[in-house]
Amino acid sequence: MIVLILAIGAFLLTRPKEALKLKKEEMIIEYGQAISTDPKDYLNFDEVDSKKKTEILKNTKLKSLLTKMVRQVKKIKDMLKLVTMK
């Protein structure tokens, strides 16, 4: 009986913890392509139960620097047009 209790305790302490994983490590997005802001499109929930999944999606916010980067690229393109027109 004591061995069984110790075995169960050891299993509970050493079992792998749930961890969020990305669906892909790298995504290639072409200029002009729509970018999803839904975390479901990027996170793999295969190892997470439905209650935890709901909690994660409720509390997850997706932030991106892409809008700022696109504005900078547009400014650079406009500057290059001015330089080539002269």
Protein backbone atom coordinates (compact mmCIF):
# COMPACT_ATOMS: atom_id res chain seq x y z
CA MET A 1 0.00 0.00 0.00
CA ILE A 2 2.78 2.45 0.93
CA VAL A 3 4.65 1.57 -2.27
CA LEU A 4 1.53 2.32 -4.31
CA ILE A 5 1.06 5.70 -2.63
CA LEU A 6 4.73 6.56 -3.21
CA ALA A 7 4.50 5.47 -6.85
CA ILE A 8 1.41 7.63 -7.46
CA GLY A 9 3.04 10.58 -5.70
CA ALA A 10 6.21 10.20 -7.78
CA PHE A 11 4.15 10.02 -10.97
CA LEU A 12 2.20 13.18 -10.11
CA LEU A 13 5.38 15.10 -9.30
CA THR A 14 7.31 14.02 -12.38
CA ARG A 15 4.62 13.97 -15.08
CA PRO A 16 5.16 16.46 -17.88
CA LYS A 17 3.46 19.80 -17.46
CA GLU A 18 1.16 21.19 -20.12
CA ALA A 19 2.94 23.66 -22.34
CA LEU A 20 1.72 25.79 -25.16
CA LYS A 21 3.35 25.11 -28.47
CA LEU A 22 3.27 27.02 -31.70
CA LYS A 23 1.75 25.41 -34.78
CA LYS A 24 4.78 26.59 -36.76
CA GLU A 25 8.09 27.99 -35.58
CA GLU A 26 8.29 30.32 -38.58
CA MET A 27 5.64 31.94 -40.73
CA ILE A 28 6.25 33.67 -44.03
CA ILE A 29 3.84 36.49 -44.73
CA GLU A 30 3.87 38.24 -48.08
CA TYR A 31 3.44 41.99 -48.34
CA GLY A 32 -0.29 42.75 -48.64
CA GLN A 33 -1.36 39.41 -47.15
CA ALA A 34 -3.95 39.61 -44.36
CA ILE A 35 -2.55 38.72 -40.95
CA SER A 36 -4.78 36.96 -38.43
CA THR A 37 -4.88 38.31 -34.88
CA ASP A 38 -6.62 35.19 -33.55
CA PRO A 39 -4.33 33.17 -31.23
CA LYS A 40 -6.06 29.94 -32.38
CA ASP A 41 -4.31 30.35 -35.72
CA TYR A 42 -0.87 30.21 -34.09
CA LEU A 43 -1.15 28.00 -30.99
CA ASN A 44 -1.33 24.21 -30.90
CA PHE A 45 -3.86 23.03 -28.30
CA ASP A 46 -3.50 19.28 -28.86
CA GLU A 47 -2.14 18.66 -25.35
CA VAL A 48 -4.42 21.09 -23.52
CA ASP A 49 -7.88 20.24 -22.18
CA SER A 50 -10.87 22.27 -23.38
CA LYS A 51 -11.32 24.19 -20.11
CA LYS A 52 -7.68 25.30 -20.12
CA LYS A 53 -7.91 26.13 -23.84
CA THR A 54 -10.91 28.41 -23.21
CA GLU A 55 -9.07 30.14 -20.36
CA ILE A 56 -5.95 30.64 -22.46
CA LEU A 57 -7.88 32.08 -25.41
CA LYS A 58 -9.84 34.39 -23.11
CA ASN A 59 -6.65 35.81 -21.56
CA THR A 60 -4.39 35.90 -24.62
CA LYS A 61 -3.74 39.10 -26.53
CA LEU A 62 -1.81 39.06 -29.78
CA LYS A 63 0.49 42.02 -30.37
CA SER A 64 2.37 42.68 -33.54
CA LEU A 65 4.97 45.16 -34.70
CA LEU A 66 4.14 44.49 -38.33
CA THR A 67 1.93 47.58 -38.78
CA LYS A 68 4.76 49.80 -37.59
CA MET A 69 7.23 47.97 -39.82
CA VAL A 70 4.96 48.31 -42.87
CA ARG A 71 4.72 52.07 -42.29
CA GLN A 72 8.51 52.28 -42.15
CA VAL A 73 8.85 50.30 -45.40
CA LYS A 74 6.34 52.62 -47.10
CA LYS A 75 8.32 55.69 -45.94
CA ILE A 76 11.53 54.18 -47.29
CA LYS A 77 9.85 53.37 -50.62
CA ASP A 78 8.53 56.97 -50.85
CA MET A 79 11.99 58.34 -50.09
CA LEU A 80 13.51 56.13 -52.79
CA LYS A 81 10.92 57.36 -55.31
CA LEU A 82 11.87 60.96 -54.53
CA VAL A 83 15.55 60.20 -54.98
CA THR A 84 15.05 58.40 -58.30
CA MET A 85 12.73 61.12 -59.70
CA LYS A 86 15.32 63.89 -59.37
